[in-house]
Each structure stands twice: as C-alpha cells, then as structure tokens.
Amino acid sequence: PLVEGVRVRAEIVAQGRAKKILVFKKKRRKNYRRRRGHRQSITTLRVTEIA
C-alpha cells in the first residue's frame, strides 16, 4: 500500500538477470519466422528501515 510521509531505506542484496525468455513470431504459409531472446534485469533489495 502507498502511505504518504513514510520513508523506506533498503540495501541492494544482489543484482543479476532472469532466465531467458524466447519470443517466437510466425506467420503461417508465408515462411516468416523470427526468434528473439530477452533477459530481464533483476535487483534484490532488503528493507533495513521504515520511518
């Protein structure tokens, strides 16, 4: 929930990337195929203080 006037302090625990997701596009009967990969960046946070 969103609370006005509250500050949250956090520290970065880890930074990495998620598993690769394959995006595959195809049009039938047209010999059209495109395969593209995508990896999302992920940052893991630990909340240390809520004031």
PDB file of N, CA and C in Angstrom:
ATOM      1  N   PRO A   1       0.826  -1.199   0.000  1.00  0.00           N
ATOM      2  CA  PRO A   1       0.000   0.000   0.000  1.00  0.00           C
ATOM      3  C   PRO A   1       0.866   1.257   0.000  1.00  0.00           C
ATOM      4  N   LEU A   2       0.316   2.321  -0.481  1.00  0.00           N
ATOM      5  CA  LEU A   2       1.015   3.595  -0.554  1.00  0.00           C
ATOM      6  C   LEU A   2       0.643   4.441   0.656  1.00  0.00           C
ATOM      7  N   VAL A   3       1.678   4.861   1.420  1.00  0.00           N
ATOM      8  CA  VAL A   3       1.458   5.668   2.616  1.00  0.00           C
ATOM      9  C   VAL A   3       2.262   6.949   2.453  1.00  0.00           C
ATOM     10  N   GLU A   4       1.600   8.079   2.579  1.00  0.00           N
ATOM     11  CA  GLU A   4       2.289   9.356   2.411  1.00  0.00           C
ATOM     12  C   GLU A   4       3.112   9.689   3.649  1.00  0.00           C
ATOM     13  N   GLY A   5       4.273  10.319   3.437  1.00  0.00           N
ATOM     14  CA  GLY A   5       5.116  10.764   4.532  1.00  0.00           C
ATOM     15  C   GLY A   5       5.979   9.681   5.156  1.00  0.00           C
ATOM     16  N   VAL A   6       6.066   8.517   4.544  1.00  0.00           N
ATOM     17  CA  VAL A   6       6.869   7.420   5.085  1.00  0.00           C
ATOM     18  C   VAL A   6       8.075   7.223   4.183  1.00  0.00           C
ATOM     19  N   ARG A   7       9.249   7.041   4.806  1.00  0.00           N
ATOM     20  CA  ARG A   7      10.471   6.799   4.050  1.00  0.00           C
ATOM     21  C   ARG A   7      10.938   5.379   4.314  1.00  0.00           C
ATOM     22  N   VAL A   8      11.423   4.747   3.282  1.00  0.00           N
ATOM     23  CA  VAL A   8      11.914   3.375   3.384  1.00  0.00           C
ATOM     24  C   VAL A   8      13.366   3.368   2.943  1.00  0.00           C
ATOM     25  N   ARG A   9      14.224   2.747   3.744  1.00  0.00           N
ATOM     26  CA  ARG A   9      15.633   2.600   3.398  1.00  0.00           C
ATOM     27  C   ARG A   9      15.895   1.123   3.110  1.00  0.00           C
ATOM     28  N   ALA A  10      16.616   0.868   2.029  1.00  0.00           N
ATOM     29  CA  ALA A  10      16.885  -0.512   1.631  1.00  0.00           C
ATOM     30  C   ALA A  10      18.320  -0.625   1.143  1.00  0.00           C
ATOM     31  N   GLU A  11      18.827  -1.846   1.171  1.00  0.00           N
ATOM     32  CA  GLU A  11      20.168  -2.102   0.643  1.00  0.00           C
ATOM     33  C   GLU A  11      20.054  -3.134  -0.472  1.00  0.00           C
ATOM     34  N   ILE A  12      20.959  -3.033  -1.417  1.00  0.00           N
ATOM     35  CA  ILE A  12      20.967  -3.956  -2.548  1.00  0.00           C
ATOM     36  C   ILE A  12      21.647  -5.244  -2.110  1.00  0.00           C
ATOM     37  N   VAL A  13      20.938  -6.354  -2.254  1.00  0.00           N
ATOM     38  CA  VAL A  13      21.471  -7.660  -1.866  1.00  0.00           C
ATOM     39  C   VAL A  13      22.158  -8.321  -3.055  1.00  0.00           C
ATOM     40  N   ALA A  14      21.508  -8.302  -4.211  1.00  0.00           N
ATOM     41  CA  ALA A  14      22.070  -8.954  -5.394  1.00  0.00           C
ATOM     42  C   ALA A  14      21.531  -8.283  -6.647  1.00  0.00           C
ATOM     43  N   GLN A  15      22.356  -8.318  -7.686  1.00  0.00           N
ATOM     44  CA  GLN A  15      21.930  -7.848  -8.994  1.00  0.00           C
ATOM     45  C   GLN A  15      22.262  -8.930 -10.002  1.00  0.00           C
ATOM     46  N   GLY A  16      21.325  -9.221 -10.858  1.00  0.00           N
ATOM     47  CA  GLY A  16      21.543 -10.270 -11.843  1.00  0.00           C
ATOM     48  C   GLY A  16      20.530 -10.173 -12.952  1.00  0.00           C
ATOM     49  N   ARG A  17      20.376 -11.290 -13.649  1.00  0.00           N
ATOM     50  CA  ARG A  17      19.435 -11.325 -14.755  1.00  0.00           C
ATOM     51  C   ARG A  17      18.587 -12.580 -14.645  1.00  0.00           C
ATOM     52  N   ALA A  18      17.351 -12.470 -15.097  1.00  0.00           N
ATOM     53  CA  ALA A  18      16.410 -13.588 -15.033  1.00  0.00           C
ATOM     54  C   ALA A  18      16.726 -14.591 -16.143  1.00  0.00           C
ATOM     55  N   LYS A  19      15.986 -15.689 -16.145  1.00  0.00           N
ATOM     56  CA  LYS A  19      16.134 -16.673 -17.208  1.00  0.00           C
ATOM     57  C   LYS A  19      15.700 -16.066 -18.539  1.00  0.00           C
ATOM     58  N   LYS A  20      16.292 -16.569 -19.603  1.00  0.00           N
ATOM     59  CA  LYS A  20      15.982 -16.048 -20.922  1.00  0.00           C
ATOM     60  C   LYS A  20      14.574 -16.472 -21.342  1.00  0.00           C
ATOM     61  N   ILE A  21      13.847 -15.509 -21.881  1.00  0.00           N
ATOM     62  CA  ILE A  21      12.520 -15.763 -22.430  1.00  0.00           C
ATOM     63  C   ILE A  21      12.630 -15.663 -23.944  1.00  0.00           C
ATOM     64  N   LEU A  22      12.167 -16.693 -24.645  1.00  0.00           N
ATOM     65  CA  LEU A  22      12.209 -16.685 -26.097  1.00  0.00           C
ATOM     66  C   LEU A  22      10.891 -16.160 -26.645  1.00  0.00           C
ATOM     67  N   VAL A  23      11.007 -15.196 -27.554  1.00  0.00           N
ATOM     68  CA  VAL A  23       9.845 -14.629 -28.227  1.00  0.00           C
ATOM     69  C   VAL A  23       9.878 -15.150 -29.656  1.00  0.00           C
ATOM     70  N   PHE A  24       8.849 -15.878 -30.046  1.00  0.00           N
ATOM     71  CA  PHE A  24       8.812 -16.507 -31.365  1.00  0.00           C
ATOM     72  C   PHE A  24       7.607 -15.990 -32.136  1.00  0.00           C
ATOM     73  N   LYS A  25       7.860 -15.409 -33.311  1.00  0.00           N
ATOM     74  CA  LYS A  25       6.788 -14.895 -34.162  1.00  0.00           C
ATOM     75  C   LYS A  25       6.754 -15.734 -35.433  1.00  0.00           C
ATOM     76  N   LYS A  26       5.560 -16.054 -35.886  1.00  0.00           N
ATOM     77  CA  LYS A  26       5.424 -16.881 -37.076  1.00  0.00           C
ATOM     78  C   LYS A  26       4.148 -16.497 -37.810  1.00  0.00           C
ATOM     79  N   LYS A  27       4.236 -16.498 -39.124  1.00  0.00           N
ATOM     80  CA  LYS A  27       3.047 -16.325 -39.958  1.00  0.00           C
ATOM     81  C   LYS A  27       2.906 -17.580 -40.811  1.00  0.00           C
ATOM     82  N   ARG A  28       1.759 -18.184 -40.724  1.00  0.00           N
ATOM     83  CA  ARG A  28       1.575 -19.453 -41.414  1.00  0.00           C
ATOM     84  C   ARG A  28       1.565 -19.271 -42.934  1.00  0.00           C
ATOM     85  N   ARG A  29       2.120 -20.243 -43.603  1.00  0.00           N
ATOM     86  CA  ARG A  29       2.174 -20.319 -45.066  1.00  0.00           C
ATOM     87  C   ARG A  29       2.994 -19.205 -45.720  1.00  0.00           C
ATOM     88  N   LYS A  30       3.704 -18.405 -44.973  1.00  0.00           N
ATOM     89  CA  LYS A  30       4.452 -17.291 -45.561  1.00  0.00           C
ATOM     90  C   LYS A  30       5.962 -17.424 -45.373  1.00  0.00           C
ATOM     91  N   ASN A  31       6.419 -18.525 -44.764  1.00  0.00           N
ATOM     92  CA  ASN A  31       7.840 -18.749 -44.482  1.00  0.00           C
ATOM     93  C   ASN A  31       8.425 -17.589 -43.680  1.00  0.00           C
ATOM     94  N   TYR A  32       7.653 -17.073 -42.728  1.00  0.00           N
ATOM     95  CA  TYR A  32       8.085 -15.961 -41.880  1.00  0.00           C
ATOM     96  C   TYR A  32       8.230 -16.472 -40.456  1.00  0.00           C
ATOM     97  N   ARG A  33       9.477 -16.486 -39.956  1.00  0.00           N
ATOM     98  CA  ARG A  33       9.743 -16.917 -38.585  1.00  0.00           C
ATOM     99  C   ARG A  33      10.804 -16.007 -37.990  1.00  0.00           C
ATOM    100  N   ARG A  34      10.553 -15.523 -36.783  1.00  0.00           N
ATOM    101  CA  ARG A  34      11.522 -14.677 -36.075  1.00  0.00           C
ATOM    102  C   ARG A  34      11.640 -15.191 -34.652  1.00  0.00           C
ATOM    103  N   ARG A  35      12.846 -15.430 -34.211  1.00  0.00           N
ATOM    104  CA  ARG A  35      13.074 -15.864 -32.841  1.00  0.00           C
ATOM    105  C   ARG A  35      13.980 -14.849 -32.167  1.00  0.00           C
ATOM    106  N   ARG A  36      13.546 -14.367 -31.028  1.00  0.00           N
ATOM    107  CA  ARG A  36      14.300 -13.342 -30.319  1.00  0.00           C
ATOM    108  C   ARG A  36      14.323 -13.676 -28.843  1.00  0.00           C
ATOM    109  N   GLY A  37      15.464 -13.475 -28.198  1.00  0.00           N
ATOM    110  CA  GLY A  37      15.594 -13.737 -26.769  1.00  0.00           C
ATOM    111  C   GLY A  37      15.581 -12.443 -25.979  1.00  0.00           C
ATOM    112  N   HIS A  38      15.177 -12.570 -24.713  1.00  0.00           N
ATOM    113  CA  HIS A  38      15.112 -11.396 -23.842  1.00  0.00           C
ATOM    114  C   HIS A  38      15.404 -11.829 -22.411  1.00  0.00           C
ATOM    115  N   ARG A  39      16.264 -11.082 -21.718  1.00  0.00           N
ATOM    116  CA  ARG A  39      16.542 -11.340 -20.304  1.00  0.00           C
ATOM    117  C   ARG A  39      16.283 -10.070 -19.512  1.00  0.00           C
ATOM    118  N   GLN A  40      15.443 -10.203 -18.497  1.00  0.00           N
ATOM    119  CA  GLN A  40      15.084  -9.072 -17.651  1.00  0.00           C
ATOM    120  C   GLN A  40      16.148  -8.890 -16.570  1.00  0.00           C
ATOM    121  N   SER A  41      16.544  -7.660 -16.298  1.00  0.00           N
ATOM    122  CA  SER A  41      17.455  -7.369 -15.195  1.00  0.00           C
ATOM    123  C   SER A  41      16.684  -7.420 -13.881  1.00  0.00           C
ATOM    124  N   ILE A  42      17.308  -8.012 -12.851  1.00  0.00           N
ATOM    125  CA  ILE A  42      16.655  -8.180 -11.553  1.00  0.00           C
ATOM    126  C   ILE A  42      17.567  -7.619 -10.466  1.00  0.00           C
ATOM    127  N   THR A  43      16.992  -6.835  -9.550  1.00  0.00           N
ATOM    128  CA  THR A  43      17.694  -6.345  -8.374  1.00  0.00           C
ATOM    129  C   THR A  43      16.927  -6.806  -7.145  1.00  0.00           C
ATOM    130  N   THR A  44      17.631  -7.478  -6.223  1.00  0.00           N
ATOM    131  CA  THR A  44      17.022  -7.945  -4.982  1.00  0.00           C
ATOM    132  C   THR A  44      17.367  -6.953  -3.881  1.00  0.00           C
ATOM    133  N   LEU A  45      16.348  -6.468  -3.173  1.00  0.00           N
ATOM    134  CA  LEU A  45      16.527  -5.476  -2.118  1.00  0.00           C
ATOM    135  C   LEU A  45      16.173  -6.066  -0.763  1.00  0.00           C
ATOM    136  N   ARG A  46      16.826  -5.554   0.279  1.00  0.00           N
ATOM    137  CA  ARG A  46      16.468  -5.883   1.661  1.00  0.00           C
ATOM    138  C   ARG A  46      16.103  -4.578   2.354  1.00  0.00           C
ATOM    139  N   VAL A  47      14.897  -4.506   2.885  1.00  0.00           N
ATOM    140  CA  VAL A  47      14.437  -3.307   3.582  1.00  0.00           C
ATOM    141  C   VAL A  47      15.089  -3.288   4.957  1.00  0.00           C
ATOM    142  N   THR A  48      15.814  -2.194   5.256  1.00  0.00           N
ATOM    143  CA  THR A  48      16.528  -2.096   6.530  1.00  0.00           C
ATOM    144  C   THR A  48      15.836  -1.175   7.521  1.00  0.00           C
ATOM    145  N   GLU A  49      15.061  -0.214   7.008  1.00  0.00           N
ATOM    146  CA  GLU A  49      14.444   0.751   7.919  1.00  0.00           C
ATOM    147  C   GLU A  49      13.177   1.317   7.293  1.00  0.00           C
ATOM    148  N   ILE A  50      12.140   1.423   8.101  1.00  0.00           N
ATOM    149  CA  ILE A  50      10.902   2.079   7.694  1.00  0.00           C
ATOM    150  C   ILE A  50      10.635   3.176   8.710  1.00  0.00           C
ATOM    151  N   ALA A  51      10.635   4.429   8.241  1.00  0.00           N
ATOM    152  CA  ALA A  51      10.463   5.550   9.172  1.00  0.00           C
ATOM    153  C   ALA A  51       9.419   6.509   8.656  1.00  0.00           C
TER     154      ALA A  51
END
